PDB file of all heavy atoms in Angstrom:
ATOM      1  N   HIS A   1      11.780  -5.160 -10.473  1.00  0.00           N
ATOM      2  CA  HIS A   1      11.262  -3.970 -11.142  1.00  0.00           C
ATOM      3  C   HIS A   1      10.798  -2.874 -10.209  1.00  0.00           C
ATOM      4  O   HIS A   1      10.109  -1.966 -10.615  1.00  0.00           O
ATOM      5  CB  HIS A   1      10.115  -4.348 -12.092  1.00  0.00           C
ATOM      6  CG  HIS A   1      10.578  -5.025 -13.329  1.00  0.00           C
ATOM      7  ND1 HIS A   1      10.064  -6.231 -13.729  1.00  0.00           N
ATOM      8  CD2 HIS A   1      11.509  -4.688 -14.244  1.00  0.00           C
ATOM      9  CE1 HIS A   1      10.663  -6.598 -14.842  1.00  0.00           C
ATOM     10  NE2 HIS A   1      11.537  -5.686 -15.177  1.00  0.00           N
ATOM     11  N   GLY A   2      11.109  -2.942  -8.931  1.00  0.00           N
ATOM     12  CA  GLY A   2      10.796  -1.837  -8.046  1.00  0.00           C
ATOM     13  C   GLY A   2       9.671  -2.053  -7.077  1.00  0.00           C
ATOM     14  O   GLY A   2       8.879  -1.148  -6.844  1.00  0.00           O
ATOM     15  N   CYS A   3       9.596  -3.235  -6.489  1.00  0.00           N
ATOM     16  CA  CYS A   3       8.536  -3.498  -5.509  1.00  0.00           C
ATOM     17  C   CYS A   3       8.578  -2.481  -4.368  1.00  0.00           C
ATOM     18  O   CYS A   3       7.546  -1.976  -3.958  1.00  0.00           O
ATOM     19  CB  CYS A   3       8.667  -4.902  -4.940  1.00  0.00           C
ATOM     20  SG  CYS A   3       8.134  -6.200  -6.060  1.00  0.00           S
ATOM     21  N   ASP A   4       9.771  -2.206  -3.855  1.00  0.00           N
ATOM     22  CA  ASP A   4       9.887  -1.252  -2.748  1.00  0.00           C
ATOM     23  C   ASP A   4       9.347   0.111  -3.144  1.00  0.00           C
ATOM     24  O   ASP A   4       8.628   0.745  -2.384  1.00  0.00           O
ATOM     25  CB  ASP A   4      11.351  -1.120  -2.307  1.00  0.00           C
ATOM     26  CG  ASP A   4      11.767  -2.230  -1.359  1.00  0.00           C
ATOM     27  OD1 ASP A   4      11.047  -2.456  -0.379  1.00  0.00           O
ATOM     28  OD2 ASP A   4      12.810  -2.853  -1.605  1.00  0.00           O
ATOM     29  N   ALA A   5       9.701   0.564  -4.335  1.00  0.00           N
ATOM     30  CA  ALA A   5       9.262   1.884  -4.796  1.00  0.00           C
ATOM     31  C   ALA A   5       7.741   1.942  -4.918  1.00  0.00           C
ATOM     32  O   ALA A   5       7.128   2.965  -4.598  1.00  0.00           O
ATOM     33  CB  ALA A   5       9.917   2.216  -6.135  1.00  0.00           C
ATOM     34  N   VAL A   6       7.139   0.866  -5.364  1.00  0.00           N
ATOM     35  CA  VAL A   6       5.685   0.832  -5.531  1.00  0.00           C
ATOM     36  C   VAL A   6       4.989   0.792  -4.173  1.00  0.00           C
ATOM     37  O   VAL A   6       4.120   1.610  -3.879  1.00  0.00           O
ATOM     38  CB  VAL A   6       5.243  -0.383  -6.388  1.00  0.00           C
ATOM     39  CG1 VAL A   6       3.732  -0.537  -6.385  1.00  0.00           C
ATOM     40  CG2 VAL A   6       5.765  -0.241  -7.813  1.00  0.00           C
ATOM     41  N   VAL A   7       5.376  -0.144  -3.336  1.00  0.00           N
ATOM     42  CA  VAL A   7       4.695  -0.352  -2.054  1.00  0.00           C
ATOM     43  C   VAL A   7       4.911   0.832  -1.111  1.00  0.00           C
ATOM     44  O   VAL A   7       4.005   1.222  -0.380  1.00  0.00           O
ATOM     45  CB  VAL A   7       5.159  -1.678  -1.399  1.00  0.00           C
ATOM     46  CG1 VAL A   7       4.591  -1.831  -0.006  1.00  0.00           C
ATOM     47  CG2 VAL A   7       4.746  -2.856  -2.270  1.00  0.00           C
ATOM     48  N   LYS A   8       6.084   1.423  -1.163  1.00  0.00           N
ATOM     49  CA  LYS A   8       6.392   2.524  -0.251  1.00  0.00           C
ATOM     50  C   LYS A   8       6.074   3.901  -0.840  1.00  0.00           C
ATOM     51  O   LYS A   8       6.359   4.918  -0.224  1.00  0.00           O
ATOM     52  CB  LYS A   8       7.850   2.438   0.176  1.00  0.00           C
ATOM     53  CG  LYS A   8       8.107   1.175   1.007  1.00  0.00           C
ATOM     54  CD  LYS A   8       9.544   1.005   1.387  1.00  0.00           C
ATOM     55  CE  LYS A   8       9.705  -0.291   2.190  1.00  0.00           C
ATOM     56  NZ  LYS A   8      11.086  -0.593   2.497  1.00  0.00           N
ATOM     57  N   SER A   9       5.434   3.928  -1.994  1.00  0.00           N
ATOM     58  CA  SER A   9       5.040   5.205  -2.599  1.00  0.00           C
ATOM     59  C   SER A   9       3.813   5.754  -1.875  1.00  0.00           C
ATOM     60  O   SER A   9       3.197   5.081  -1.056  1.00  0.00           O
ATOM     61  CB  SER A   9       4.718   5.021  -4.082  1.00  0.00           C
ATOM     62  OG  SER A   9       3.467   4.386  -4.240  1.00  0.00           O
ATOM     63  N   LYS A  10       3.437   6.965  -2.230  1.00  0.00           N
ATOM     64  CA  LYS A  10       2.245   7.565  -1.612  1.00  0.00           C
ATOM     65  C   LYS A  10       0.971   6.814  -1.987  1.00  0.00           C
ATOM     66  O   LYS A  10      -0.048   6.941  -1.333  1.00  0.00           O
ATOM     67  CB  LYS A  10       2.123   9.039  -1.987  1.00  0.00           C
ATOM     68  CG  LYS A  10       1.805   9.300  -3.437  1.00  0.00           C
ATOM     69  CD  LYS A  10       1.675  10.784  -3.696  1.00  0.00           C
ATOM     70  CE  LYS A  10       1.279  11.049  -5.137  1.00  0.00           C
ATOM     71  NZ  LYS A  10       1.083  12.478  -5.388  1.00  0.00           N
ATOM     72  N   TYR A  11       1.035   6.015  -3.037  1.00  0.00           N
ATOM     73  CA  TYR A  11      -0.120   5.228  -3.465  1.00  0.00           C
ATOM     74  C   TYR A  11      -0.272   3.941  -2.657  1.00  0.00           C
ATOM     75  O   TYR A  11      -1.206   3.187  -2.863  1.00  0.00           O
ATOM     76  CB  TYR A  11      -0.021   4.895  -4.953  1.00  0.00           C
ATOM     77  CG  TYR A  11       0.024   6.133  -5.811  1.00  0.00           C
ATOM     78  CD1 TYR A  11       1.232   6.615  -6.304  1.00  0.00           C
ATOM     79  CD2 TYR A  11      -1.135   6.833  -6.100  1.00  0.00           C
ATOM     80  CE1 TYR A  11       1.275   7.764  -7.076  1.00  0.00           C
ATOM     81  CE2 TYR A  11      -1.102   7.985  -6.874  1.00  0.00           C
ATOM     82  CZ  TYR A  11       0.110   8.449  -7.347  1.00  0.00           C
ATOM     83  OH  TYR A  11       0.143   9.584  -8.105  1.00  0.00           O
ATOM     84  N   GLY A  12       0.644   3.681  -1.735  1.00  0.00           N
ATOM     85  CA  GLY A  12       0.588   2.505  -0.878  1.00  0.00           C
ATOM     86  C   GLY A  12      -0.403   2.657   0.268  1.00  0.00           C
ATOM     87  O   GLY A  12      -0.584   1.740   1.052  1.00  0.00           O
ATOM     88  N   GLN A  13      -1.027   3.838   0.345  1.00  0.00           N
ATOM     89  CA  GLN A  13      -2.019   4.096   1.380  1.00  0.00           C
ATOM     90  C   GLN A  13      -3.270   4.692   0.759  1.00  0.00           C
ATOM     91  O   GLN A  13      -3.196   5.374  -0.261  1.00  0.00           O
ATOM     92  CB  GLN A  13      -1.495   5.093   2.406  1.00  0.00           C
ATOM     93  CG  GLN A  13      -0.341   4.610   3.234  1.00  0.00           C
ATOM     94  CD  GLN A  13       0.023   5.625   4.307  1.00  0.00           C
ATOM     95  OE1 GLN A  13      -0.537   6.706   4.379  1.00  0.00           O
ATOM     96  NE2 GLN A  13       0.969   5.259   5.151  1.00  0.00           N
ATOM     97  N   THR A  14      -4.391   4.442   1.403  1.00  0.00           N
ATOM     98  CA  THR A  14      -5.656   5.043   1.012  1.00  0.00           C
ATOM     99  C   THR A  14      -6.298   5.597   2.281  1.00  0.00           C
ATOM    100  O   THR A  14      -6.471   4.858   3.250  1.00  0.00           O
ATOM    101  CB  THR A  14      -6.580   4.006   0.354  1.00  0.00           C
ATOM    102  OG1 THR A  14      -5.896   3.436  -0.764  1.00  0.00           O
ATOM    103  CG2 THR A  14      -7.877   4.638  -0.121  1.00  0.00           C
ATOM    104  N   PHE A  15      -6.586   6.880   2.261  1.00  0.00           N
ATOM    105  CA  PHE A  15      -7.144   7.550   3.446  1.00  0.00           C
ATOM    106  C   PHE A  15      -6.253   7.355   4.669  1.00  0.00           C
ATOM    107  O   PHE A  15      -6.741   7.212   5.787  1.00  0.00           O
ATOM    108  CB  PHE A  15      -8.570   7.084   3.736  1.00  0.00           C
ATOM    109  CG  PHE A  15      -9.511   7.217   2.572  1.00  0.00           C
ATOM    110  CD1 PHE A  15     -10.134   6.099   2.049  1.00  0.00           C
ATOM    111  CD2 PHE A  15      -9.755   8.454   1.995  1.00  0.00           C
ATOM    112  CE1 PHE A  15     -11.003   6.215   0.972  1.00  0.00           C
ATOM    113  CE2 PHE A  15     -10.622   8.580   0.927  1.00  0.00           C
ATOM    114  CZ  PHE A  15     -11.245   7.460   0.409  1.00  0.00           C
ATOM    115  N   GLY A  16      -4.934   7.318   4.455  1.00  0.00           N
ATOM    116  CA  GLY A  16      -3.985   7.178   5.554  1.00  0.00           C
ATOM    117  C   GLY A  16      -3.826   5.770   6.092  1.00  0.00           C
ATOM    118  O   GLY A  16      -3.125   5.543   7.067  1.00  0.00           O
ATOM    119  N   VAL A  17      -4.481   4.799   5.462  1.00  0.00           N
ATOM    120  CA  VAL A  17      -4.406   3.397   5.893  1.00  0.00           C
ATOM    121  C   VAL A  17      -3.670   2.602   4.822  1.00  0.00           C
ATOM    122  O   VAL A  17      -3.920   2.767   3.627  1.00  0.00           O
ATOM    123  CB  VAL A  17      -5.823   2.808   6.117  1.00  0.00           C
ATOM    124  CG1 VAL A  17      -5.747   1.351   6.539  1.00  0.00           C
ATOM    125  CG2 VAL A  17      -6.592   3.628   7.140  1.00  0.00           C
ATOM    126  N   GLU A  18      -2.778   1.739   5.275  1.00  0.00           N
ATOM    127  CA  GLU A  18      -2.021   0.902   4.345  1.00  0.00           C
ATOM    128  C   GLU A  18      -2.962   0.062   3.476  1.00  0.00           C
ATOM    129  O   GLU A  18      -3.885  -0.564   4.001  1.00  0.00           O
ATOM    130  CB  GLU A  18      -1.085  -0.041   5.109  1.00  0.00           C
ATOM    131  CG  GLU A  18       0.001   0.644   5.888  1.00  0.00           C
ATOM    132  CD  GLU A  18       1.023   1.301   4.999  1.00  0.00           C
ATOM    133  OE1 GLU A  18       1.320   0.759   3.912  1.00  0.00           O
ATOM    134  OE2 GLU A  18       1.511   2.370   5.381  1.00  0.00           O
ATOM    135  N   ASN A  19      -2.714   0.048   2.174  1.00  0.00           N
ATOM    136  CA  ASN A  19      -3.512  -0.793   1.274  1.00  0.00           C
ATOM    137  C   ASN A  19      -3.413  -2.264   1.664  1.00  0.00           C
ATOM    138  O   ASN A  19      -4.363  -3.030   1.473  1.00  0.00           O
ATOM    139  CB  ASN A  19      -3.060  -0.607  -0.172  1.00  0.00           C
ATOM    140  CG  ASN A  19      -3.395   0.758  -0.713  1.00  0.00           C
ATOM    141  OD1 ASN A  19      -4.265   1.450  -0.197  1.00  0.00           O
ATOM    142  ND2 ASN A  19      -2.705   1.166  -1.746  1.00  0.00           N
ATOM    143  N   THR A  20      -2.268  -2.640   2.223  1.00  0.00           N
ATOM    144  CA  THR A  20      -2.081  -4.032   2.612  1.00  0.00           C
ATOM    145  C   THR A  20      -3.043  -4.427   3.734  1.00  0.00           C
ATOM    146  O   THR A  20      -3.482  -5.577   3.799  1.00  0.00           O
ATOM    147  CB  THR A  20      -0.631  -4.284   3.053  1.00  0.00           C
ATOM    148  OG1 THR A  20      -0.286  -3.338   4.064  1.00  0.00           O
ATOM    149  CG2 THR A  20       0.324  -4.164   1.886  1.00  0.00           C
ATOM    150  N   LEU A  21      -3.381  -3.492   4.613  1.00  0.00           N
ATOM    151  CA  LEU A  21      -4.363  -3.791   5.669  1.00  0.00           C
ATOM    152  C   LEU A  21      -5.742  -4.024   5.074  1.00  0.00           C
ATOM    153  O   LEU A  21      -6.449  -4.952   5.475  1.00  0.00           O
ATOM    154  CB  LEU A  21      -4.412  -2.658   6.695  1.00  0.00           C
ATOM    155  CG  LEU A  21      -3.230  -2.567   7.645  1.00  0.00           C
ATOM    156  CD1 LEU A  21      -3.358  -1.343   8.539  1.00  0.00           C
ATOM    157  CD2 LEU A  21      -3.119  -3.825   8.478  1.00  0.00           C
ATOM    158  N   PHE A  22      -6.122  -3.167   4.117  1.00  0.00           N
ATOM    159  CA  PHE A  22      -7.388  -3.395   3.422  1.00  0.00           C
ATOM    160  C   PHE A  22      -7.371  -4.751   2.738  1.00  0.00           C
ATOM    161  O   PHE A  22      -8.363  -5.490   2.767  1.00  0.00           O
ATOM    162  CB  PHE A  22      -7.658  -2.300   2.385  1.00  0.00           C
ATOM    163  CG  PHE A  22      -8.022  -0.968   2.969  1.00  0.00           C
ATOM    164  CD1 PHE A  22      -7.300   0.166   2.627  1.00  0.00           C
ATOM    165  CD2 PHE A  22      -9.090  -0.830   3.840  1.00  0.00           C
ATOM    166  CE1 PHE A  22      -7.632   1.409   3.141  1.00  0.00           C
ATOM    167  CE2 PHE A  22      -9.436   0.404   4.373  1.00  0.00           C
ATOM    168  CZ  PHE A  22      -8.703   1.527   4.024  1.00  0.00           C
ATOM    169  N   GLY A  23      -6.246  -5.084   2.128  1.00  0.00           N
ATOM    170  CA  GLY A  23      -6.108  -6.373   1.449  1.00  0.00           C
ATOM    171  C   GLY A  23      -6.270  -7.542   2.414  1.00  0.00           C
ATOM    172  O   GLY A  23      -7.007  -8.494   2.136  1.00  0.00           O
ATOM    173  N   MET A  24      -5.591  -7.468   3.558  1.00  0.00           N
ATOM    174  CA  MET A  24      -5.698  -8.554   4.528  1.00  0.00           C
ATOM    175  C   MET A  24      -7.132  -8.711   5.030  1.00  0.00           C
ATOM    176  O   MET A  24      -7.623  -9.834   5.156  1.00  0.00           O
ATOM    177  CB  MET A  24      -4.740  -8.325   5.702  1.00  0.00           C
ATOM    178  CG  MET A  24      -3.287  -8.590   5.338  1.00  0.00           C
ATOM    179  SD  MET A  24      -2.163  -8.588   6.762  1.00  0.00           S
ATOM    180  CE  MET A  24      -2.138  -6.857   7.204  1.00  0.00           C
ATOM    181  N   LEU A  25      -7.806  -7.602   5.296  1.00  0.00           N
ATOM    182  CA  LEU A  25      -9.203  -7.679   5.738  1.00  0.00           C
ATOM    183  C   LEU A  25     -10.098  -8.282   4.663  1.00  0.00           C
ATOM    184  O   LEU A  25     -10.963  -9.113   4.957  1.00  0.00           O
ATOM    185  CB  LEU A  25      -9.710  -6.294   6.133  1.00  0.00           C
ATOM    186  CG  LEU A  25      -9.163  -5.739   7.435  1.00  0.00           C
ATOM    187  CD1 LEU A  25      -9.600  -4.286   7.627  1.00  0.00           C
ATOM    188  CD2 LEU A  25      -9.601  -6.585   8.614  1.00  0.00           C
ATOM    189  N   TYR A  26      -9.891  -7.855   3.423  1.00  0.00           N
ATOM    190  CA  TYR A  26     -10.684  -8.385   2.310  1.00  0.00           C
ATOM    191  C   TYR A  26     -10.482  -9.895   2.178  1.00  0.00           C
ATOM    192  O   TYR A  26     -11.444 -10.661   2.091  1.00  0.00           O
ATOM    193  CB  TYR A  26     -10.299  -7.667   1.004  1.00  0.00           C
ATOM    194  CG  TYR A  26     -10.826  -8.350  -0.219  1.00  0.00           C
ATOM    195  CD1 TYR A  26     -12.183  -8.344  -0.515  1.00  0.00           C
ATOM    196  CD2 TYR A  26      -9.970  -9.023  -1.090  1.00  0.00           C
ATOM    197  CE1 TYR A  26     -12.676  -8.991  -1.638  1.00  0.00           C
ATOM    198  CE2 TYR A  26     -10.453  -9.659  -2.215  1.00  0.00           C
ATOM    199  CZ  TYR A  26     -11.803  -9.643  -2.492  1.00  0.00           C
ATOM    200  OH  TYR A  26     -12.289 -10.277  -3.587  1.00  0.00           O
TER     201      TYR A  26
END
């Protein structure tokens, strides 16, 4: 259903940092 489109969208970052990095830290 579009994982690439979701993860690589502009919403994939917060304050210029990848959401995945925040996730890994959390």
